[in-house]
Amino acid sequence: MRHVIVVVGSDEQRRQAVPQVCLLDDESVRESTWYASRNQDAPGVLLDDQPSFVLRFALLPLLAYRFYLLVHNTRLWGGKRPLVLIRGRSLGSRLAAYAGSWGGGDIVKADGSDGPALRPTRYVLQPDGKLKLFEA
């Protein structure tokens, strides 16, 4: 079983449909959502929607450490590298991409835009849900 962590950093991403991942050999997928917010159970204002720059940058170390722990513990629990689905290039997406790669996750560019992927990206999600190895 492979664990997929969907990153939500703004209200716009919260309203978007969650991309579906189809793995090879019909491997089962366990999916969870991580909100770039102090409270995961009842996320209020997300990091990208935070009006204060001071609060944004004060939250960065806390959120980065929490996401690092989530990815690292998921890898230890599951035995496989979790897939971290990143949409866009916002502050919350960048935070999750770097902290997730440090925690041992595989970063997946999940939006269909033609924009460049973040540097730690390993896979690109195709429209049919299949993963393609990222070529820089």
N, C-alpha and C. Protein backbone atom coordinates (compact mmCIF):
# COMPACT_ATOMS: atom_id res chain seq x y z
N MET A 1 0.85 -1.17 0.00
CA MET A 1 0.00 0.00 0.00
C MET A 1 0.90 1.24 0.00
N ARG A 2 0.51 2.23 -0.76
CA ARG A 2 1.26 3.48 -0.86
C ARG A 2 0.42 4.60 -0.27
N HIS A 3 1.04 5.46 0.50
CA HIS A 3 0.36 6.57 1.15
C HIS A 3 0.51 7.82 0.29
N VAL A 4 -0.59 8.53 0.07
CA VAL A 4 -0.61 9.77 -0.69
C VAL A 4 -1.04 10.89 0.24
N ILE A 5 -0.23 11.95 0.33
CA ILE A 5 -0.55 13.11 1.16
C ILE A 5 -0.85 14.27 0.23
N VAL A 6 -2.08 14.77 0.28
CA VAL A 6 -2.51 15.90 -0.54
C VAL A 6 -2.30 17.17 0.27
N VAL A 7 -1.56 18.13 -0.28
CA VAL A 7 -1.25 19.38 0.41
C VAL A 7 -2.28 20.43 0.01
N VAL A 8 -2.88 21.08 1.02
CA VAL A 8 -3.83 22.17 0.80
C VAL A 8 -3.28 23.40 1.51
N GLY A 9 -2.93 24.43 0.73
CA GLY A 9 -2.33 25.62 1.31
C GLY A 9 -3.19 26.86 1.24
N SER A 10 -4.31 26.80 0.49
CA SER A 10 -5.18 27.96 0.36
C SER A 10 -6.63 27.50 0.21
N ASP A 11 -7.55 28.45 0.35
CA ASP A 11 -8.97 28.12 0.18
C ASP A 11 -9.26 27.70 -1.26
N GLU A 12 -8.55 28.26 -2.21
CA GLU A 12 -8.73 27.88 -3.61
C GLU A 12 -8.40 26.40 -3.81
N GLN A 13 -7.31 25.95 -3.21
CA GLN A 13 -6.94 24.53 -3.31
C GLN A 13 -7.92 23.65 -2.55
N ARG A 14 -8.50 24.18 -1.48
CA ARG A 14 -9.48 23.40 -0.71
C ARG A 14 -10.73 23.14 -1.54
N ARG A 15 -11.10 24.10 -2.41
CA ARG A 15 -12.29 23.96 -3.24
C ARG A 15 -12.05 23.07 -4.47
N GLN A 16 -10.81 22.92 -4.88
CA GLN A 16 -10.50 22.11 -6.05
C GLN A 16 -10.71 20.62 -5.75
N ALA A 17 -11.00 19.89 -6.81
CA ALA A 17 -11.15 18.43 -6.66
C ALA A 17 -9.78 17.82 -6.38
N VAL A 18 -9.77 16.79 -5.58
CA VAL A 18 -8.52 16.10 -5.24
C VAL A 18 -8.10 15.23 -6.43
N PRO A 19 -6.87 15.38 -6.90
CA PRO A 19 -6.41 14.54 -8.02
C PRO A 19 -6.35 13.07 -7.62
N GLN A 20 -6.73 12.21 -8.53
CA GLN A 20 -6.71 10.77 -8.28
C GLN A 20 -5.41 10.18 -8.82
N VAL A 21 -4.81 9.30 -8.04
CA VAL A 21 -3.55 8.65 -8.41
C VAL A 21 -3.82 7.17 -8.67
N CYS A 22 -3.38 6.69 -9.84
CA CYS A 22 -3.47 5.27 -10.18
C CYS A 22 -2.04 4.73 -10.24
N LEU A 23 -1.74 3.82 -9.35
CA LEU A 23 -0.39 3.25 -9.30
C LEU A 23 -0.31 2.00 -10.16
N LEU A 24 0.90 1.60 -10.49
CA LEU A 24 1.11 0.40 -11.28
C LEU A 24 0.70 -0.84 -10.48
N ASP A 25 0.35 -1.88 -11.18
CA ASP A 25 -0.03 -3.16 -10.59
C ASP A 25 -1.22 -3.04 -9.65
N ASP A 26 -2.06 -2.04 -9.85
CA ASP A 26 -3.25 -1.82 -9.01
C ASP A 26 -2.93 -1.82 -7.53
N GLU A 27 -1.82 -1.21 -7.17
CA GLU A 27 -1.43 -1.10 -5.77
C GLU A 27 -2.42 -0.20 -5.05
N SER A 28 -2.81 -0.58 -3.85
CA SER A 28 -3.79 0.22 -3.11
C SER A 28 -3.17 1.53 -2.64
N VAL A 29 -4.03 2.54 -2.49
CA VAL A 29 -3.59 3.88 -2.12
C VAL A 29 -4.34 4.31 -0.87
N ARG A 30 -3.61 4.79 0.09
CA ARG A 30 -4.20 5.40 1.29
C ARG A 30 -3.96 6.89 1.18
N GLU A 31 -5.02 7.67 1.29
CA GLU A 31 -4.93 9.10 1.05
C GLU A 31 -5.24 9.89 2.30
N SER A 32 -4.46 10.94 2.54
CA SER A 32 -4.75 11.87 3.63
C SER A 32 -4.50 13.28 3.14
N THR A 33 -5.06 14.25 3.84
CA THR A 33 -4.94 15.65 3.46
C THR A 33 -4.22 16.40 4.56
N TRP A 34 -3.24 17.22 4.17
CA TRP A 34 -2.53 18.07 5.12
C TRP A 34 -2.86 19.51 4.80
N TYR A 35 -3.36 20.22 5.81
CA TYR A 35 -3.69 21.64 5.66
C TYR A 35 -2.55 22.48 6.21
N ALA A 36 -2.14 23.51 5.48
CA ALA A 36 -1.08 24.41 5.93
C ALA A 36 -1.68 25.38 6.94
N SER A 37 -1.99 24.85 8.11
CA SER A 37 -2.64 25.61 9.17
C SER A 37 -2.17 25.05 10.51
N ARG A 38 -2.34 25.85 11.55
CA ARG A 38 -1.92 25.39 12.88
C ARG A 38 -2.75 24.22 13.36
N ASN A 39 -4.04 24.19 13.03
CA ASN A 39 -4.94 23.16 13.51
C ASN A 39 -5.36 22.28 12.34
N GLN A 40 -5.04 21.01 12.38
CA GLN A 40 -5.39 20.09 11.29
C GLN A 40 -6.84 19.63 11.36
N ASP A 41 -7.41 19.59 12.56
CA ASP A 41 -8.78 19.10 12.71
C ASP A 41 -9.81 20.11 12.22
N ALA A 42 -9.58 21.37 12.49
CA ALA A 42 -10.50 22.43 12.06
C ALA A 42 -9.66 23.57 11.48
N PRO A 43 -9.17 23.40 10.24
CA PRO A 43 -8.29 24.44 9.69
C PRO A 43 -9.05 25.74 9.46
N GLY A 44 -8.52 26.79 10.01
CA GLY A 44 -9.13 28.11 9.83
C GLY A 44 -8.49 28.80 8.64
N VAL A 45 -7.71 29.82 8.93
CA VAL A 45 -7.01 30.56 7.88
C VAL A 45 -5.77 29.76 7.48
N LEU A 46 -5.69 29.43 6.21
CA LEU A 46 -4.55 28.66 5.71
C LEU A 46 -3.38 29.59 5.42
N LEU A 47 -2.19 29.02 5.31
CA LEU A 47 -0.96 29.79 5.19
C LEU A 47 -0.99 30.78 4.02
N ASP A 48 -1.44 30.34 2.86
CA ASP A 48 -1.43 31.23 1.69
C ASP A 48 -2.49 32.31 1.77
N ASP A 49 -3.50 32.14 2.62
CA ASP A 49 -4.55 33.14 2.78
C ASP A 49 -4.32 34.04 3.98
N GLN A 50 -3.24 33.83 4.71
CA GLN A 50 -2.93 34.62 5.89
C GLN A 50 -2.64 36.07 5.46
N PRO A 51 -3.40 37.05 5.99
CA PRO A 51 -3.20 38.43 5.55
C PRO A 51 -1.91 39.06 6.07
N SER A 52 -1.39 38.60 7.17
CA SER A 52 -0.21 39.20 7.78
C SER A 52 1.06 38.46 7.36
N PHE A 53 2.02 39.20 6.79
CA PHE A 53 3.29 38.59 6.41
C PHE A 53 4.07 38.15 7.64
N VAL A 54 3.92 38.87 8.73
CA VAL A 54 4.64 38.50 9.96
C VAL A 54 4.15 37.15 10.46
N LEU A 55 2.83 36.94 10.48
CA LEU A 55 2.29 35.65 10.91
C LEU A 55 2.67 34.53 9.94
N ARG A 56 2.69 34.84 8.65
CA ARG A 56 3.08 33.82 7.67
C ARG A 56 4.47 33.29 7.97
N PHE A 57 5.41 34.20 8.14
CA PHE A 57 6.79 33.77 8.35
C PHE A 57 7.04 33.26 9.76
N ALA A 58 6.17 33.62 10.70
CA ALA A 58 6.28 33.05 12.04
C ALA A 58 5.79 31.60 12.05
N LEU A 59 4.83 31.29 11.18
CA LEU A 59 4.29 29.92 11.11
C LEU A 59 5.17 28.96 10.31
N LEU A 60 6.03 29.48 9.46
CA LEU A 60 6.82 28.61 8.58
C LEU A 60 7.60 27.52 9.30
N PRO A 61 8.39 27.85 10.33
CA PRO A 61 9.16 26.76 10.98
C PRO A 61 8.27 25.71 11.63
N LEU A 62 7.18 26.14 12.25
CA LEU A 62 6.26 25.21 12.90
C LEU A 62 5.62 24.27 11.88
N LEU A 63 5.10 24.84 10.80
CA LEU A 63 4.44 24.02 9.79
C LEU A 63 5.43 23.11 9.07
N ALA A 64 6.63 23.61 8.80
CA ALA A 64 7.64 22.78 8.14
C ALA A 64 8.01 21.59 9.01
N TYR A 65 8.19 21.82 10.29
CA TYR A 65 8.56 20.72 11.19
C TYR A 65 7.42 19.71 11.31
N ARG A 66 6.19 20.18 11.42
CA ARG A 66 5.05 19.26 11.52
C ARG A 66 4.90 18.42 10.25
N PHE A 67 5.08 19.05 9.10
CA PHE A 67 4.94 18.29 7.85
C PHE A 67 6.10 17.31 7.68
N TYR A 68 7.30 17.73 8.05
CA TYR A 68 8.45 16.82 8.02
C TYR A 68 8.17 15.58 8.87
N LEU A 69 7.65 15.80 10.09
CA LEU A 69 7.34 14.66 10.97
C LEU A 69 6.26 13.77 10.38
N LEU A 70 5.23 14.36 9.77
CA LEU A 70 4.17 13.58 9.16
C LEU A 70 4.73 12.67 8.07
N VAL A 71 5.54 13.22 7.18
CA VAL A 71 6.10 12.43 6.08
C VAL A 71 7.07 11.39 6.61
N HIS A 72 7.93 11.78 7.52
CA HIS A 72 8.92 10.86 8.08
C HIS A 72 8.25 9.69 8.81
N ASN A 73 7.27 9.99 9.65
CA ASN A 73 6.57 8.94 10.39
C ASN A 73 5.74 8.06 9.46
N THR A 74 5.17 8.63 8.41
CA THR A 74 4.42 7.84 7.44
C THR A 74 5.36 6.87 6.72
N ARG A 75 6.55 7.33 6.41
CA ARG A 75 7.52 6.46 5.76
C ARG A 75 7.94 5.33 6.69
N LEU A 76 8.17 5.64 7.96
CA LEU A 76 8.53 4.60 8.92
C LEU A 76 7.40 3.61 9.11
N TRP A 77 6.16 4.10 9.18
CA TRP A 77 5.00 3.25 9.42
C TRP A 77 4.70 2.37 8.22
N GLY A 78 4.74 2.95 7.02
CA GLY A 78 4.34 2.22 5.83
C GLY A 78 5.46 1.44 5.16
N GLY A 79 6.69 1.83 5.39
CA GLY A 79 7.81 1.15 4.77
C GLY A 79 8.11 1.62 3.36
N LYS A 80 7.28 2.47 2.79
CA LYS A 80 7.50 3.01 1.45
C LYS A 80 7.48 4.52 1.52
N ARG A 81 8.11 5.13 0.54
CA ARG A 81 8.13 6.59 0.49
C ARG A 81 6.73 7.11 0.14
N PRO A 82 6.16 7.99 0.97
CA PRO A 82 4.84 8.53 0.63
C PRO A 82 4.92 9.49 -0.55
N LEU A 83 3.82 9.58 -1.29
CA LEU A 83 3.72 10.54 -2.39
C LEU A 83 3.10 11.82 -1.85
N VAL A 84 3.73 12.95 -2.08
CA VAL A 84 3.24 14.25 -1.62
C VAL A 84 2.74 15.01 -2.84
N LEU A 85 1.41 15.20 -2.95
CA LEU A 85 0.82 15.88 -4.10
C LEU A 85 0.85 17.38 -3.89
N ILE A 86 1.56 18.10 -4.75
CA ILE A 86 1.72 19.54 -4.67
C ILE A 86 0.98 20.17 -5.85
N ARG A 87 0.15 21.18 -5.56
CA ARG A 87 -0.54 21.92 -6.61
C ARG A 87 -0.10 23.38 -6.54
N GLY A 88 0.47 23.89 -7.61
CA GLY A 88 0.87 25.30 -7.66
C GLY A 88 2.26 25.54 -7.11
N ARG A 89 2.59 26.84 -7.02
CA ARG A 89 3.91 27.26 -6.54
C ARG A 89 3.79 28.25 -5.40
N SER A 90 2.76 28.13 -4.60
CA SER A 90 2.53 29.07 -3.50
C SER A 90 3.47 28.76 -2.34
N LEU A 91 3.42 29.60 -1.32
CA LEU A 91 4.28 29.43 -0.15
C LEU A 91 4.01 28.09 0.55
N GLY A 92 2.74 27.74 0.70
CA GLY A 92 2.39 26.47 1.33
C GLY A 92 2.88 25.27 0.52
N SER A 93 2.82 25.38 -0.81
CA SER A 93 3.29 24.30 -1.67
C SER A 93 4.81 24.16 -1.59
N ARG A 94 5.50 25.27 -1.57
CA ARG A 94 6.96 25.23 -1.47
C ARG A 94 7.40 24.64 -0.13
N LEU A 95 6.73 25.08 0.93
CA LEU A 95 7.03 24.56 2.27
C LEU A 95 6.86 23.05 2.31
N ALA A 96 5.73 22.57 1.78
CA ALA A 96 5.46 21.13 1.79
C ALA A 96 6.42 20.36 0.89
N ALA A 97 6.81 20.94 -0.23
CA ALA A 97 7.72 20.25 -1.15
C ALA A 97 9.08 20.03 -0.50
N TYR A 98 9.63 21.07 0.11
CA TYR A 98 10.95 20.92 0.71
C TYR A 98 10.91 20.09 1.99
N ALA A 99 9.94 20.35 2.86
CA ALA A 99 9.85 19.57 4.10
C ALA A 99 9.52 18.11 3.80
N GLY A 100 8.68 17.87 2.79
CA GLY A 100 8.34 16.51 2.41
C GLY A 100 9.51 15.74 1.84
N SER A 101 10.32 16.41 1.03
CA SER A 101 11.49 15.72 0.48
C SER A 101 12.53 15.46 1.58
N TRP A 102 12.67 16.36 2.53
CA TRP A 102 13.58 16.13 3.66
C TRP A 102 13.09 14.98 4.53
N GLY A 103 11.76 14.81 4.62
CA GLY A 103 11.19 13.74 5.42
C GLY A 103 11.22 12.39 4.72
N GLY A 104 11.59 12.35 3.45
CA GLY A 104 11.70 11.09 2.74
C GLY A 104 10.56 10.80 1.79
N GLY A 105 9.77 11.80 1.45
CA GLY A 105 8.65 11.60 0.53
C GLY A 105 9.04 11.88 -0.91
N ASP A 106 8.23 11.37 -1.83
CA ASP A 106 8.39 11.65 -3.26
C ASP A 106 7.41 12.76 -3.62
N ILE A 107 7.92 13.86 -4.16
CA ILE A 107 7.09 15.02 -4.49
C ILE A 107 6.49 14.82 -5.87
N VAL A 108 5.16 15.05 -5.98
CA VAL A 108 4.43 14.87 -7.23
C VAL A 108 3.81 16.20 -7.61
N LYS A 109 4.10 16.68 -8.82
CA LYS A 109 3.45 17.88 -9.35
C LYS A 109 2.09 17.46 -9.85
N ALA A 110 1.04 17.90 -9.15
CA ALA A 110 -0.30 17.38 -9.42
C ALA A 110 -1.18 18.33 -10.21
N ASP A 111 -0.72 19.56 -10.49
CA ASP A 111 -1.56 20.46 -11.28
C ASP A 111 -1.23 20.30 -12.75
N GLY A 112 -2.18 20.63 -13.60
CA GLY A 112 -2.00 20.45 -15.03
C GLY A 112 -1.36 21.63 -15.72
N SER A 113 -0.82 22.58 -14.99
CA SER A 113 -0.24 23.77 -15.61
C SER A 113 1.07 23.44 -16.30
N ASP A 114 1.45 24.30 -17.23
CA ASP A 114 2.71 24.11 -17.94
C ASP A 114 3.87 24.79 -17.24
N GLY A 115 3.60 25.41 -16.09
CA GLY A 115 4.65 26.09 -15.36
C GLY A 115 5.71 25.12 -14.86
N PRO A 116 6.87 25.65 -14.55
CA PRO A 116 7.94 24.77 -14.08
C PRO A 116 7.61 24.15 -12.72
N ALA A 117 8.08 22.96 -12.52
CA ALA A 117 7.85 22.26 -11.24
C ALA A 117 8.84 22.76 -10.21
N LEU A 118 8.49 22.59 -8.94
CA LEU A 118 9.42 22.93 -7.88
C LEU A 118 10.62 21.99 -7.93
N ARG A 119 11.74 22.43 -7.43
CA ARG A 119 12.99 21.69 -7.58
C ARG A 119 12.97 20.26 -7.02
N PRO A 120 12.40 19.99 -5.85
CA PRO A 120 12.48 18.60 -5.37
C PRO A 120 11.47 17.65 -6.01
N THR A 121 10.80 18.06 -7.08
CA THR A 121 9.77 17.23 -7.71
C THR A 121 10.38 15.97 -8.32
N ARG A 122 9.74 14.83 -8.05
CA ARG A 122 10.22 13.56 -8.60
C ARG A 122 9.29 13.02 -9.68
N TYR A 123 7.98 13.24 -9.53
CA TYR A 123 7.00 12.73 -10.49
C TYR A 123 6.08 13.85 -10.95
N VAL A 124 5.46 13.63 -12.11
CA VAL A 124 4.42 14.52 -12.63
C VAL A 124 3.18 13.67 -12.80
N LEU A 125 2.05 14.16 -12.32
CA LEU A 125 0.79 13.43 -12.42
C LEU A 125 0.17 13.68 -13.79
N GLN A 126 -0.06 12.62 -14.55
CA GLN A 126 -0.67 12.72 -15.87
C GLN A 126 -2.19 12.88 -15.73
N PRO A 127 -2.88 13.37 -16.78
CA PRO A 127 -4.34 13.53 -16.69
C PRO A 127 -5.10 12.24 -16.40
N ASP A 128 -4.54 11.09 -16.79
CA ASP A 128 -5.21 9.81 -16.53
C ASP A 128 -4.91 9.25 -15.15
N GLY A 129 -4.14 9.98 -14.33
CA GLY A 129 -3.85 9.55 -12.97
C GLY A 129 -2.56 8.77 -12.81
N LYS A 130 -1.88 8.49 -13.90
CA LYS A 130 -0.61 7.76 -13.84
C LYS A 130 0.53 8.72 -13.51
N LEU A 131 1.57 8.19 -12.89
CA LEU A 131 2.74 8.98 -12.54
C LEU A 131 3.81 8.82 -13.60
N LYS A 132 4.43 9.95 -13.96
CA LYS A 132 5.52 9.94 -14.93
C LYS A 132 6.74 10.54 -14.25
N LEU A 133 7.88 9.93 -14.44
CA LEU A 133 9.12 10.43 -13.84
C LEU A 133 9.42 11.81 -14.39
N PHE A 134 9.74 12.75 -13.49
CA PHE A 134 10.01 14.14 -13.87
C PHE A 134 11.38 14.24 -14.52
N GLU A 135 11.42 14.90 -15.67
CA GLU A 135 12.69 15.12 -16.37
C GLU A 135 12.94 16.61 -16.43
N ALA A 136 14.01 17.06 -15.80
CA ALA A 136 14.30 18.50 -15.74
C ALA A 136 14.83 19.03 -17.04
